[in-house]
Structures are given as structure tokens and as C-alpha cells.
């Protein structure tokens, strides 16, 4: 097994400098690390920490051991490296400034610690180096003459190999535990809880709107940044990115990964991070993402089946088969509506705020006696009347028009649906960005709606003005004849009988109306427009 230890020369050769190590990409952990204290506490090496000692010194990570006698080895070093040297170049240091510059370059390169051998070039580590390490906080340990550098390298290799083996074992055990947890009844929740326990920090699964579906551990929920996670999850999906990492200035952050497939994103997996995860943790992240995708696909399939059942329940209610609809609801609804109900019709605009779907889903999931469905490809809500305030708040907060029926029993569901559609038409035609409740006046039809608009009355008067001007000037009855003729669907005989005129007289008057108005009375659109104009100007037939 290849280990990430720098190329070295055996110190018993004696302390010759080694070639520079292979460089790793910054910020990417390619292998496990050990703590500096583990290396220093190997009694057979007899290493002594003589400077840079602090409470955190023993926990500093070690990934590389490298030997160099260069005056400036920093360009050839990578982070988490322990540098070994015999101090052959220390003689050129004439001041604290020289020693400080040397140590500062090591600190900037991310060196974990410096080991200086004694007995070859120096009987003791130069005081300038000791002082600089203390001042800059770099751990400095003394290597006795009888301890070869190769022994330190081999010891570090054994410790790193053991750590890698331990991480492999941890990875396999963790993946097995999470996979077994996913087989439970609450598969996704159990898998998330097991993963959070193994990783030691929170794990969260959201839906495609950023709403939290599963979270663990519960003890961390009070401190869980739910708004931050929701915002970043939505942003990830909107950008069409499969994964991303968000990090704060303190180094904490979270790993985000979309769940589902291209063009059909089901949600986002968010995992708290403190630093860059190693390969064992990344493998567990991948397994949790795969299991979460399967579970969300399964839930999506169940929701699709429930949607079909809900639509079937609506069809049964429309056909009056209430007992069968109630029996079918056992597999699709939290509770079948009881008592007085309302039906709500609403339209879905092209650019709908995605939070509406989230809020509607939350209302549906948390309100027994309320359910959403579709009929004739249009959405609707069926709810017990006690949910009406929450429904009003939902549509008002999103500025969406909706029609709400009167409170009726389930046996009058069909009537309630018609009422909701009439109310929605009123809301849409009057540009009301809020729910409109049904009122009996809505049955008065289109002409009643036009009557509420002064512009409609003005245009009707302009349309009829030539005919009325003729009647007033010649004391004729062209408008009366036209009104009777239209009211009898263009049947001359019936209209002439109603007015007590000869049918040829009525026919002549209708032709005169056509000439005065310059309209083709054979057109259904023209007849409808003339009838509406006559009704709006209050000159209806007796």
C-alpha cells in the first residue's frame, strides 16, 4: 500500500538530505492523518518537544515526513508536513531576524512541526531557532543522535497505515449500518439518523423547495440554521448544479448534493462539515445520497398514486357515490372531510412563486379534513369549513385569485364546484389578486358583470345612437321592432304577432335598423352584441 510519506534518506547514512516530497492539491485530503502527539510519544524514538509547545500542539495533523537541508525548503513542502533536518544550514543564521524568516517560511507552508537532529552539526539545537519557534508557535522537537530519520519515517508510515486501516473499517461498518437502517419502516429517517451518529454532525434532507424532510440528530435542531439550508438548497437547484460546498469564515460549513436525476430533482442532501472530509466520509456521503434518492423516488411514486386516488375521490363525489369515496379515502387522505365543506378553485399562473407549492403542500399535509386534487385538469381544494381562514391567508399572502364556494354538505359537492368556478371567474375578470367567495348574484351572468362597468354602458349607447336618433326624429319604432325580433331569435312571424304588426312591416323595420347601424344582422356575434347593448341601456322589450 502506497503511503503519503515524502522521499527520505536514511539518517544512519548519516542524516543526508532527501528529495522533495510529492505535492498534493491544496485543501484536498488524499490520505488519513495522525496527530503530532502520536508521533512524539513513540518512546523508542526518544523525541523531545523543546519549543512551540501549546495546548493544541499535540493535535496538529501529520500527513508527510520530509527531510531537507536546504536553506529554504518551503517551496518543496506541503501542508501537514513534519520537516526533519540536521541543521547543516543553521550556521548562516546570524540574528533573530534570520531565524525568524526561516521559521516563518515553514509556518506559511503549513508545516506541522520541525525536528532537528543533534550530535552531528550541533550538540544542542541553536538558541536562535528555539526562540523563533516559540515566538511563531511552530512545534520544535529534538532528535537524538541515535535515532535515525528513517526510523521516524517508518514509524509515521506504520501509524498512518494503521489510521488508514481504521478508517477503512469505519467506512465499511458505517456504510453497512446506514444501509441496514434504510431497510426499516421509516427508511429515510433511520438512514439519516444513523449517518448523523456515525459522522458526528447533523445531516439533513430537503425537498426540491428547500423544506426539511428529515433531520438528525434532534438535539441539534434548536441550533440548526434552517433558513440558511433552505436558501442554499434552492440556490443549488436553481443553478442546476449537482453538488456544492458552502463554508463560513470560521471553517464550518455544509456539503450540498442534489438528489434525483437530471430534469427531475427530488431534493437536496445537506451535511454539516468542519474542514474537508476524508475519503471514508465522502464514501458515506455518497451512500446516504444514493439511499435518499431511492427513498424520495419511492415517496414520489406514492404521492403520484395518492394524487390519482384523490382525483378519483373527486369524481365519485361528483357522481354522488359518497360511501365509495369515503372508503377509497382511507389510502389517500389523513381524514375524510366531515360536516360542512367548501370547494376552492384556483388557477396556476405561468410564473408561480415556488413557495406557494411548498405552503400548499404544508397546509395539505398538516390539515386533516383537507385535501388537494384536480378535475378537468384544473386544481381544487376540498376542505372542512374550519380550514377556511388558513385557505384565505394562503391565497392572500401569494396574491393569487381563487374562488371559494358556499358552505355545503358533501352531497352537494357538484353544486359547490360550480359555485367555486363562478367565484374564480369573478376574481379573474375583475383582476382580484385574492380569494373571492361565492354569492348568488354571480348567477346573473355576463350582462350583469358588464353593467358594473360604465365604459360598457357608454359604448352600448354609442352603438345604438343612430337608430335612436332616427326614432326620436321621425317618431318611428325601429328600436322596438329590432328588440322584439332579437327576443324571438330572428323569427319574423313570432315577433310581428307579439307587436301586432304585419310581418312585412316588421321585416322592413328590421332592415332599416340594419342600414342605420351599418351592421349585418345575420351574424350571431352582431345579434349578441346588439342584445347586450339593448339590455345595458335598459330598453328591453315589454
Protein backbone atom coordinates (compact mmCIF):
# COMPACT_ATOMS: atom_id res chain seq x y z
CA UNK A 1 0.00 0.00 0.00
CA UNK A 2 1.47 3.35 -1.02
CA UNK A 3 1.74 5.84 1.82
CA UNK A 4 1.92 9.64 1.62
CA UNK A 5 5.39 9.90 3.10
CA UNK A 6 8.00 12.10 1.43
CA UNK A 7 11.11 10.67 -0.12
CA UNK A 8 13.77 10.34 2.58
CA UNK A 9 17.33 9.17 3.02
CA UNK A 10 18.27 7.03 5.98
CA UNK A 11 19.72 9.18 8.70
CA UNK A 12 22.24 6.48 9.59
CA UNK A 13 23.82 7.14 6.20
CA UNK A 14 24.31 9.73 8.12
CA UNK A 15 21.48 12.41 8.09
CA UNK A 16 21.85 13.11 4.36
CA UNK A 17 19.19 15.38 2.84
CA UNK A 18 16.28 13.79 0.98
CA UNK A 19 14.48 14.68 -2.27
CA UNK A 20 11.39 16.92 -2.04
CA UNK A 21 8.02 15.15 -1.47
CA UNK A 22 5.17 14.79 -3.94
CA UNK A 23 2.87 17.78 -3.73
CA UNK A 24 -0.85 17.44 -3.05
CA UNK A 25 -3.58 19.76 -4.18
CA UNK A 26 -4.30 22.44 -1.58
CA UNK A 27 -7.34 21.76 0.54
CA UNK A 28 -7.71 18.15 -0.65
CA UNK A 29 -7.10 15.37 1.85
CA UNK A 30 -5.57 12.48 -0.08
CA UNK A 31 -4.84 10.22 2.88
CA UNK A 32 -5.54 9.96 6.61
CA UNK A 33 -3.53 11.99 9.08
CA UNK A 34 -2.18 11.29 12.53
CA UNK A 35 -1.72 13.71 15.37
CA UNK A 36 1.72 15.07 16.16
CA UNK A 37 1.42 13.78 19.71
CA UNK A 38 1.11 10.21 18.44
CA UNK A 39 4.49 10.50 16.73
CA UNK A 40 6.23 12.30 19.58
CA UNK A 41 5.02 9.77 22.15
CA UNK A 42 6.67 6.80 20.42
CA UNK A 43 9.09 6.01 23.25
CA UNK A 44 11.63 4.19 21.06
CA UNK A 45 12.27 7.38 19.07
CA UNK A 46 13.10 9.44 22.18
CA UNK A 47 11.84 12.66 20.61
CA UNK A 48 11.61 15.71 22.90
CA UNK A 49 9.40 18.76 22.30
CA UNK A 50 11.54 21.76 23.25
CA UNK A 51 9.72 24.76 21.73
CA UNK A 52 6.34 25.83 20.34
CA UNK A 53 4.53 23.79 22.95
CA UNK A 54 0.87 24.69 23.31
CA UNK A 55 -2.40 23.03 24.21
CA UNK A 56 -3.12 22.37 20.50
CA UNK A 57 0.42 21.32 19.53
CA UNK A 58 -0.12 17.61 20.15
CA UNK A 59 -3.28 17.57 17.98
CA UNK A 60 -1.70 19.15 14.90
CA UNK A 61 -2.19 16.85 11.86
CA UNK A 62 0.70 14.95 10.28
CA UNK A 63 0.43 13.60 6.75
CA UNK A 64 4.00 13.87 5.47
CA UNK A 65 7.51 13.35 6.89
CA UNK A 66 10.24 15.01 4.87
CA UNK A 67 13.97 15.57 5.20
CA UNK A 68 15.70 18.65 3.82
CA UNK A 69 18.98 20.53 4.40
CA UNK A 70 18.12 23.38 2.01
CA UNK A 71 18.46 26.95 3.21
CA UNK A 72 14.82 27.46 2.10
CA UNK A 73 12.90 24.16 1.85
CA UNK A 74 9.49 25.90 1.98
CA UNK A 75 8.81 25.77 -1.82
CA UNK A 76 9.10 21.96 -1.69
CA UNK A 77 6.84 21.40 1.31
CA UNK A 78 3.12 20.73 1.53
CA UNK A 79 0.74 21.34 4.43
CA UNK A 80 0.68 18.87 7.34
CA UNK A 81 4.39 18.04 6.85
CA UNK A 82 6.90 17.22 9.60
CA UNK A 83 10.28 18.57 8.47
CA UNK A 84 13.46 16.83 9.66
CA UNK A 85 16.89 18.44 9.39
CA UNK A 86 20.37 18.14 10.86
CA UNK A 87 20.68 21.93 10.84
CA UNK A 88 23.56 21.95 8.38
CA UNK A 89 22.49 25.42 7.16
CA UNK A 90 21.75 26.91 10.56
CA UNK A 91 25.29 28.30 10.75
CA UNK A 92 24.32 31.01 8.28
CA UNK A 93 21.78 32.42 10.75
CA UNK A 94 23.41 35.43 12.38
CA UNK A 95 20.41 37.04 14.08
CA UNK A 96 16.90 36.54 15.39
CA UNK A 97 15.67 38.03 12.14
CA UNK A 98 17.38 35.31 10.07
CA UNK A 99 15.99 32.53 12.25
CA UNK A 100 12.52 34.16 12.29
CA UNK A 101 12.44 34.40 8.49
CA UNK A 102 13.35 30.69 8.17
CA UNK A 103 10.67 29.57 10.62
CA UNK A 104 8.06 31.96 9.18
CA UNK A 105 8.51 30.40 5.74
CA UNK A 106 7.84 26.98 7.25
CA UNK A 107 4.74 28.27 9.02
CA UNK A 108 3.46 29.82 5.78
CA UNK A 109 3.99 26.47 4.01
CA UNK A 110 1.73 24.76 6.58
CA UNK A 111 4.48 22.73 8.24
CA UNK A 112 3.19 20.85 11.28
CA UNK A 113 6.47 20.63 13.21
CA UNK A 114 10.25 20.90 12.85
CA UNK A 115 12.62 18.17 14.04
CA UNK A 116 16.32 18.98 14.49
CA UNK A 117 18.93 16.24 14.96
CA UNK A 118 21.75 16.83 17.47
CA UNK A 119 25.19 15.24 17.65
CA UNK A 120 26.24 15.79 14.04
CA UNK A 121 26.39 19.53 13.32
CA UNK A 122 25.08 20.79 16.66
CA UNK A 123 25.45 19.47 20.18
CA UNK A 124 22.22 21.25 21.01
CA UNK A 125 19.56 23.00 18.92
CA UNK A 126 20.65 26.63 18.28
CA UNK A 127 19.01 29.09 20.62
CA UNK A 128 18.01 31.35 17.69
CA UNK A 129 15.90 28.54 16.21
CA UNK A 130 14.35 27.64 19.57
CA UNK A 131 13.42 31.27 20.22
CA UNK A 132 11.94 31.72 16.73
CA UNK A 133 9.78 28.58 17.08
CA UNK A 134 8.49 29.72 20.45
CA UNK A 135 7.74 33.17 19.09
CA UNK A 136 5.90 31.91 15.96
CA UNK A 137 4.21 28.91 17.58
CA UNK A 138 5.83 26.16 15.49
CA UNK A 139 6.40 22.94 17.48
CA UNK A 140 10.12 22.08 17.59
CA UNK A 141 11.41 18.70 18.79
CA UNK A 142 14.94 17.39 19.30
CA UNK A 143 16.05 14.18 17.56
CA UNK A 144 18.81 12.37 19.48
CA UNK A 145 21.93 11.20 17.63
CA UNK A 146 21.00 7.52 17.96
CA UNK A 147 17.59 7.98 16.29
CA UNK A 148 17.86 7.81 12.51
CA UNK A 149 15.49 9.82 10.41
CA UNK A 150 14.41 6.64 8.62
CA UNK A 151 13.10 5.30 11.94
CA UNK A 152 10.88 8.35 12.30
CA UNK A 153 9.66 7.94 8.72
CA UNK A 154 8.91 4.23 9.18
CA UNK A 155 7.13 4.85 12.47
CA UNK A 156 4.98 7.55 10.89
CA UNK A 157 4.25 5.21 7.99
CA UNK A 158 3.06 2.48 10.35
CA UNK A 159 0.86 4.92 12.24
CA UNK A 160 -0.63 6.29 9.03
CA UNK A 161 -1.21 2.79 7.68
CA UNK A 162 -2.99 1.85 10.89
CA UNK A 163 -5.09 5.01 10.67
CA UNK A 164 -5.95 4.24 7.03
CA UNK A 165 -6.93 0.71 8.02
CA UNK A 166 -9.07 2.05 10.86
CA UNK A 167 -10.78 4.50 8.51
CA UNK A 168 -11.44 1.71 6.01
CA UNK A 169 -13.01 -0.38 8.76
CA UNK A 170 -15.02 2.62 9.96
CA UNK A 171 -16.17 3.30 6.41
CA UNK A 172 -17.34 -0.27 5.82
CA UNK A 173 -19.08 -0.52 9.19
CA UNK A 174 -20.75 2.87 8.76
CA UNK A 175 -21.98 2.08 5.26
CA UNK A 176 -23.32 -1.28 6.42
CA UNK A 177 -25.12 0.33 9.37
CA UNK A 178 -26.68 3.06 7.22
CA UNK A 179 -27.77 0.56 4.57
CA UNK A 180 -29.39 -1.66 7.21
CA UNK A 181 -31.13 1.36 8.74
CA UNK A 182 -32.65 2.22 5.37
CA UNK A 183 -34.49 -1.12 5.41
CA UNK A 184 -36.60 -0.04 8.38
CA UNK A 185 -40.17 1.14 8.00
CA UNK A 186 -39.03 4.75 8.24
CA UNK A 187 -36.13 4.07 5.89
CA UNK A 188 -35.02 7.59 5.06
CA UNK A 189 -35.33 8.91 8.60
CA UNK A 190 -33.48 5.91 10.05
CA UNK A 191 -30.67 6.22 7.48
CA UNK A 192 -30.26 9.94 8.21
CA UNK A 193 -30.16 9.32 11.97
CA UNK A 194 -27.56 6.56 11.60
CA UNK A 195 -25.40 8.68 9.28
CA UNK A 196 -25.51 11.65 11.66
CA UNK A 197 -24.49 9.39 14.53
CA UNK A 198 -21.54 7.96 12.58
CA UNK A 199 -20.35 11.31 11.22
CA UNK A 200 -20.77 13.19 14.48
CA UNK A 201 -22.61 16.16 12.96
CA UNK A 202 -26.02 16.98 11.54
CA UNK A 203 -27.44 15.50 8.35
CA UNK A 204 -30.48 16.94 6.59
CA UNK A 205 -32.60 16.02 3.57
CA UNK A 206 -34.81 18.69 1.99
CA UNK A 207 -37.38 18.54 -0.77
CA UNK A 208 -36.89 20.46 -4.00
CA UNK A 209 -38.34 23.59 -2.39
CA UNK A 210 -35.79 23.51 0.44
CA UNK A 211 -38.30 22.33 3.04
CA UNK A 212 -36.73 19.98 5.60
CA UNK A 213 -37.92 16.40 5.11
CA UNK A 214 -35.55 14.61 7.52
CA UNK A 215 -33.06 15.90 10.07
CA UNK A 216 -30.79 14.35 12.70
CA UNK A 217 -29.74 14.49 15.47
CA UNK A 218 -32.72 16.05 17.21
CA UNK A 219 -30.55 17.54 19.98
CA UNK A 220 -29.04 19.93 17.44
CA UNK A 221 -32.35 21.09 15.94
CA UNK A 222 -32.55 24.26 18.11
CA UNK A 223 -29.21 25.41 16.63
CA UNK A 224 -29.92 24.12 13.12
CA UNK A 225 -29.70 27.00 10.55
CA UNK A 226 -32.91 26.03 8.75
CA UNK A 227 -33.27 29.28 6.77
CA UNK A 228 -29.67 29.10 5.58
CA UNK A 229 -30.04 25.48 4.47
CA UNK A 230 -33.35 26.22 2.71
CA UNK A 231 -31.88 29.19 0.85
CA UNK A 232 -28.74 27.36 -0.26
CA UNK A 233 -30.68 24.24 -1.27
CA UNK A 234 -32.97 26.30 -3.51
CA UNK A 235 -29.99 28.13 -4.95
CA UNK A 236 -28.26 24.83 -5.78
CA UNK A 237 -31.34 23.56 -7.64
CA UNK A 238 -31.93 26.85 -9.45
CA UNK A 239 -28.34 26.85 -10.73
CA UNK A 240 -28.73 23.29 -11.98
CA UNK A 241 -25.61 22.19 -10.07
CA UNK A 242 -25.32 18.63 -8.75
CA UNK A 243 -23.20 19.42 -5.69
CA UNK A 244 -21.58 22.30 -3.83
CA UNK A 245 -19.81 23.21 -0.63
CA UNK A 246 -20.59 26.28 1.47
CA UNK A 247 -18.02 27.34 4.04
CA UNK A 248 -18.11 30.13 6.62
CA UNK A 249 -15.15 32.21 7.75
CA UNK A 250 -14.82 30.02 10.84
CA UNK A 251 -14.20 26.96 8.66
CA UNK A 252 -17.56 25.31 9.37
CA UNK A 253 -19.99 24.78 6.55
CA UNK A 254 -22.00 22.17 4.76
CA UNK A 255 -21.81 19.88 1.77
CA UNK A 256 -24.82 20.02 -0.58
CA UNK A 257 -25.76 17.37 -3.12
CA UNK A 258 -28.86 17.30 -5.30
CA UNK A 259 -30.98 14.15 -5.19
CA UNK A 260 -32.72 12.66 -8.20
CA UNK A 261 -31.78 12.80 -11.84
CA UNK A 262 -31.29 15.48 -14.44
CA UNK A 263 -34.54 17.28 -15.11
CA UNK A 264 -36.22 15.60 -12.15
CA UNK A 265 -34.60 16.84 -8.93
CA UNK A 266 -36.34 15.47 -5.84
CA UNK A 267 -34.43 17.27 -3.10
CA UNK A 268 -31.06 18.11 -1.59
CA UNK A 269 -28.81 16.32 0.90
CA UNK A 270 -27.09 18.76 3.27
CA UNK A 271 -24.34 17.58 5.66
CA UNK A 272 -22.54 19.74 8.17
CA UNK A 273 -18.76 19.88 7.74
CA UNK A 274 -15.86 21.03 9.85
CA UNK A 275 -12.98 21.01 7.40
CA UNK A 276 -12.60 18.94 4.27
CA UNK A 277 -13.93 15.35 4.65
CA UNK A 278 -11.64 12.41 4.00
CA UNK A 279 -12.35 9.60 1.56
CA UNK A 280 -14.16 7.49 4.18
CA UNK A 281 -16.58 10.30 4.96
CA UNK A 282 -17.09 11.09 1.30
CA UNK A 283 -17.95 7.45 0.64
CA UNK A 284 -20.58 7.59 3.39
CA UNK A 285 -21.92 10.85 1.95
CA UNK A 286 -22.33 9.15 -1.42
CA UNK A 287 -24.18 6.20 0.09
CA UNK A 288 -26.57 8.44 2.02
CA UNK A 289 -27.25 10.43 -1.18
CA UNK A 290 -28.00 7.23 -3.13
CA UNK A 291 -30.31 5.86 -0.43
CA UNK A 292 -32.05 9.23 -0.05
CA UNK A 293 -32.65 9.37 -3.81
CA UNK A 294 -34.22 5.90 -3.79
CA UNK A 295 -36.40 6.76 -0.79
CA UNK A 296 -37.54 10.07 -2.30
CA UNK A 297 -38.30 8.33 -5.61
CA UNK A 298 -40.38 5.86 -3.64
CA UNK A 299 -42.18 8.65 -1.81
CA UNK A 300 -42.72 10.47 -5.11
CA UNK A 301 -44.33 7.34 -6.54
CA UNK A 302 -46.59 7.07 -3.51
CA UNK A 303 -47.58 10.73 -3.83
CA UNK A 304 -48.38 10.22 -7.53
CA UNK A 305 -50.57 7.24 -6.67
CA UNK A 306 -52.27 9.25 -3.91
CA UNK A 307 -52.89 12.08 -6.37
CA UNK A 308 -54.67 9.65 -8.70
CA UNK A 309 -56.76 8.36 -5.78
CA UNK A 310 -57.67 11.91 -4.76
CA UNK A 311 -58.81 12.71 -8.30
CA UNK A 312 -60.88 9.52 -8.25
CA UNK A 313 -62.45 10.61 -4.93
CA UNK A 314 -63.50 13.90 -6.54
CA UNK A 315 -65.08 12.04 -9.49
CA UNK A 316 -67.00 9.83 -7.07
CA UNK A 317 -68.25 12.88 -5.16
CA UNK A 318 -69.41 14.45 -8.42
CA UNK A 319 -71.32 11.30 -9.32
CA UNK A 320 -72.94 11.16 -5.87
CA UNK A 321 -71.17 7.98 -4.71
CA UNK A 322 -70.30 9.33 -1.25
CA UNK A 323 -69.89 5.98 0.60
CA UNK A 324 -67.46 4.66 -2.03
CA UNK A 325 -65.48 7.93 -1.97
CA UNK A 326 -65.19 7.71 1.81
CA UNK A 327 -63.92 4.11 1.62
CA UNK A 328 -61.37 4.99 -1.05
CA UNK A 329 -60.07 7.91 1.04
CA UNK A 330 -58.59 5.54 3.62
CA UNK A 331 -55.48 5.09 1.48
CA UNK A 332 -55.14 8.64 0.23
CA UNK A 333 -56.24 11.09 2.95
CA UNK A 334 -55.29 11.74 6.55
CA UNK A 335 -59.03 12.06 7.25
CA UNK A 336 -62.05 12.34 5.01
CA UNK A 337 -63.79 15.76 5.30
CA UNK A 338 -66.69 15.80 7.72
CA UNK A 339 -69.53 18.28 8.20
CA UNK A 340 -69.88 21.43 6.08
CA UNK A 341 -67.21 21.77 3.40
CA UNK A 342 -66.02 24.37 0.93
CA UNK A 343 -64.56 23.84 -2.54
CA UNK A 344 -61.81 26.17 -3.72
CA UNK A 345 -60.90 26.63 -7.37
CA UNK A 346 -57.71 28.44 -8.40
CA UNK A 347 -55.61 28.94 -11.50
CA UNK A 348 -51.87 28.37 -11.76
CA UNK A 349 -50.02 31.25 -13.49
CA UNK A 350 -47.05 30.60 -15.75
CA UNK A 351 -44.58 32.15 -13.30
CA UNK A 352 -45.76 30.85 -9.94
CA UNK A 353 -43.75 31.57 -6.81
CA UNK A 354 -42.33 28.16 -5.81
CA UNK A 355 -43.08 28.93 -2.17
CA UNK A 356 -46.82 28.68 -2.97
CA UNK A 357 -46.46 24.99 -3.83
CA UNK A 358 -44.48 24.49 -0.62
CA UNK A 359 -47.04 26.32 1.53
CA UNK A 360 -49.92 24.47 -0.13
CA UNK A 361 -48.20 21.15 0.46
CA UNK A 362 -47.63 22.05 4.11
CA UNK A 363 -51.29 23.03 4.50
CA UNK A 364 -52.38 19.77 2.86
CA UNK A 365 -50.07 17.61 4.97
CA UNK A 366 -50.91 19.28 8.26
CA UNK A 367 -54.71 19.68 7.95
CA UNK A 368 -56.89 16.59 8.41
CA UNK A 369 -60.17 17.07 6.58
CA UNK A 370 -58.49 18.99 3.75
CA UNK A 371 -57.06 17.66 0.51
CA UNK A 372 -55.98 18.90 -2.90
CA UNK A 373 -56.95 17.28 -6.19
CA UNK A 374 -57.67 18.05 -9.84
CA UNK A 375 -60.69 17.72 -12.07
CA UNK A 376 -60.82 18.64 -15.76
CA UNK A 377 -57.05 19.26 -15.45
CA UNK A 378 -57.69 22.16 -13.06
CA UNK A 379 -56.61 22.16 -9.40
CA UNK A 380 -59.00 22.45 -6.49
CA UNK A 381 -59.10 22.19 -2.71
CA UNK A 382 -61.78 20.35 -0.75
CA UNK A 383 -61.78 21.29 2.93
CA UNK A 384 -63.87 21.38 6.05
CA UNK A 385 -65.14 24.92 6.57
CA UNK A 386 -62.97 25.33 9.70
CA UNK A 387 -59.91 25.48 7.40
CA UNK A 388 -61.30 28.49 5.51
CA UNK A 389 -59.21 31.14 7.40
CA UNK A 390 -55.98 29.28 6.60
CA UNK A 391 -57.01 28.95 2.93
CA UNK A 392 -57.74 32.68 2.70
CA UNK A 393 -54.35 33.51 4.23
CA UNK A 394 -52.58 31.21 1.76
CA UNK A 395 -54.01 32.84 -1.38
CA UNK A 396 -53.91 36.38 0.01
CA UNK A 397 -50.24 36.10 1.00
CA UNK A 398 -49.33 34.95 -2.54
CA UNK A 399 -51.63 37.44 -4.34
CA UNK A 400 -53.41 34.64 -6.22
CA UNK A 401 -57.06 34.76 -7.37
CA UNK A 402 -59.27 31.93 -6.18
CA UNK A 403 -62.95 31.08 -5.98
CA UNK A 404 -64.48 29.76 -2.76
CA UNK A 405 -67.86 28.03 -2.73
CA UNK A 406 -70.59 28.39 -0.15
CA UNK A 407 -70.56 26.02 2.84
CA UNK A 408 -72.43 22.87 1.82
CA UNK A 409 -72.66 19.21 2.68
CA UNK A 410 -70.69 16.61 0.74
CA UNK A 411 -73.90 15.54 -1.01
CA UNK A 412 -73.96 18.98 -2.70
CA UNK A 413 -70.33 18.74 -3.87
CA UNK A 414 -71.24 19.26 -7.53
CA UNK A 415 -73.11 22.48 -6.74
CA UNK A 416 -70.18 23.68 -4.63
CA UNK A 417 -67.78 23.08 -7.53
CA UNK A 418 -69.92 25.20 -9.85
CA UNK A 419 -70.07 27.94 -7.23
CA UNK A 420 -66.27 27.90 -6.84
CA UNK A 421 -65.83 28.18 -10.61
CA UNK A 422 -68.22 31.14 -10.78
CA UNK A 423 -66.33 32.84 -7.94
CA UNK A 424 -63.00 32.20 -9.68
CA UNK A 425 -64.38 33.72 -12.91
CA UNK A 426 -65.38 36.81 -10.94
CA UNK A 427 -61.92 37.03 -9.32
CA UNK A 428 -60.17 36.60 -12.67
CA UNK A 429 -62.34 39.01 -14.65
CA UNK A 430 -62.04 41.74 -12.03
CA UNK A 431 -58.27 41.21 -11.57
CA UNK A 432 -58.67 40.48 -7.86
CA UNK A 433 -55.43 39.01 -6.51
CA UNK A 434 -57.18 37.35 -3.59
CA UNK A 435 -59.85 34.71 -2.96
CA UNK A 436 -63.44 35.63 -3.84
CA UNK A 437 -66.31 33.88 -2.08
CA UNK A 438 -69.41 32.79 -3.95
CA UNK A 439 -72.53 34.98 -3.84
CA UNK A 440 -75.90 34.22 -5.54
CA UNK A 441 -75.58 37.42 -7.60
CA UNK A 442 -72.84 35.70 -9.60
CA UNK A 443 -75.56 33.71 -11.40
CA UNK A 444 -76.80 36.87 -13.09
CA UNK A 445 -74.33 36.29 -15.89
CA UNK A 446 -72.12 38.31 -18.22
CA UNK A 447 -74.53 41.20 -18.77
CA UNK A 448 -74.68 41.75 -15.01
CA UNK A 449 -70.89 41.95 -14.96
CA UNK A 450 -70.89 44.41 -17.87
CA UNK A 451 -73.48 46.53 -16.13
CA UNK A 452 -70.93 47.23 -13.38
CA UNK A 453 -68.60 48.90 -15.91
CA UNK A 454 -69.59 52.46 -17.02
CA UNK A 455 -67.45 52.10 -20.15
CA UNK A 456 -69.62 49.17 -21.33
CA UNK A 457 -72.81 51.27 -20.98
CA UNK A 458 -71.22 54.20 -22.83
CA UNK A 459 -70.18 52.02 -25.76
CA UNK A 460 -73.66 50.46 -25.93
CA UNK A 461 -75.24 53.91 -26.19
CA UNK A 462 -72.82 54.87 -28.97
CA UNK A 463 -73.68 51.66 -30.86
CA UNK A 464 -77.45 52.30 -30.70
CA UNK A 465 -77.28 56.10 -31.17
CA UNK A 466 -78.04 56.20 -34.98
CA UNK A 467 -81.18 54.11 -34.55
CA UNK A 468 -82.43 56.03 -31.54
CA UNK A 469 -81.74 59.35 -33.21
CA UNK A 470 -83.85 58.20 -36.18
CA UNK A 471 -86.74 57.14 -33.90
CA UNK A 472 -86.69 60.43 -31.99
CA UNK A 473 -86.56 62.49 -35.20
CA UNK A 474 -89.24 60.61 -37.18
CA UNK A 475 -91.33 59.26 -34.28
CA UNK A 476 -90.61 55.79 -35.61
CA UNK A 477 -90.42 52.45 -33.75
CA UNK A 478 -87.30 50.86 -35.25
CA UNK A 479 -85.73 50.02 -31.83
CA UNK A 480 -88.98 48.39 -30.64
CA UNK A 481 -89.13 46.25 -33.77
CA UNK A 482 -85.46 45.25 -33.54
CA UNK A 483 -85.81 44.35 -29.85
CA UNK A 484 -88.83 42.13 -30.48
CA UNK A 485 -87.17 40.49 -33.46
CA UNK A 486 -84.00 39.70 -31.42
CA UNK A 487 -86.01 38.43 -28.45
CA UNK A 488 -87.74 35.94 -30.79
CA UNK A 489 -84.41 34.69 -32.16
CA UNK A 490 -84.85 36.45 -35.53
CA UNK A 491 -88.24 34.85 -36.27
CA UNK A 492 -90.26 37.49 -38.12
CA UNK A 493 -93.69 35.84 -37.76
CA UNK A 494 -93.44 35.40 -33.98
CA UNK A 495 -92.09 38.91 -33.46
CA UNK A 496 -94.76 40.53 -35.67
CA UNK A 497 -97.53 38.67 -33.82
CA UNK A 498 -96.08 39.89 -30.50
CA UNK A 499 -96.13 43.53 -31.71
CA UNK A 500 -99.45 43.25 -33.62
CA UNK A 501 -97.82 44.21 -36.93
CA UNK A 502 -97.83 42.72 -40.36
CA UNK A 503 -94.74 40.64 -40.85
CA UNK A 504 -93.68 42.67 -43.92
CA UNK A 505 -93.82 45.84 -41.81
CA UNK A 506 -91.65 44.24 -39.14
CA UNK A 507 -89.22 42.97 -41.75
CA UNK A 508 -88.89 46.44 -43.25
CA UNK A 509 -88.21 47.99 -39.85
CA UNK A 510 -85.51 45.39 -39.10
CA UNK A 511 -83.86 46.13 -42.46
CA UNK A 512 -83.98 49.85 -41.61
CA UNK A 513 -82.22 49.09 -38.30
CA UNK A 514 -79.53 47.20 -40.17
CA UNK A 515 -78.97 50.15 -42.50
CA UNK A 516 -78.93 52.73 -39.70
CA UNK A 517 -76.49 50.71 -37.58
CA UNK A 518 -74.48 49.52 -40.62
CA UNK A 519 -74.40 46.00 -39.20
CA UNK A 520 -75.04 42.55 -40.67
CA UNK A 521 -77.92 41.17 -38.60
CA UNK A 522 -77.37 37.68 -39.97
CA UNK A 523 -74.18 37.44 -37.85
CA UNK A 524 -74.67 35.74 -34.44
CA UNK A 525 -71.93 37.95 -32.97
CA UNK A 526 -73.73 41.08 -34.14
CA UNK A 527 -77.07 39.90 -32.72
CA UNK A 528 -75.41 39.09 -29.36
CA UNK A 529 -73.72 42.47 -29.22
CA UNK A 530 -76.94 44.32 -30.08
CA UNK A 531 -78.94 42.38 -27.48
CA UNK A 532 -76.33 43.14 -24.80
CA UNK A 533 -76.37 46.82 -25.77
CA UNK A 534 -80.20 46.98 -25.57
CA UNK A 535 -80.14 45.30 -22.15
CA UNK A 536 -77.42 47.55 -20.79
CA UNK A 537 -79.26 50.71 -21.83
CA UNK A 538 -82.47 49.50 -20.15
CA UNK A 539 -84.64 49.39 -23.28
CA UNK A 540 -85.70 45.76 -23.01
CA UNK A 541 -88.91 44.52 -24.65
CA UNK A 542 -92.09 44.54 -22.64
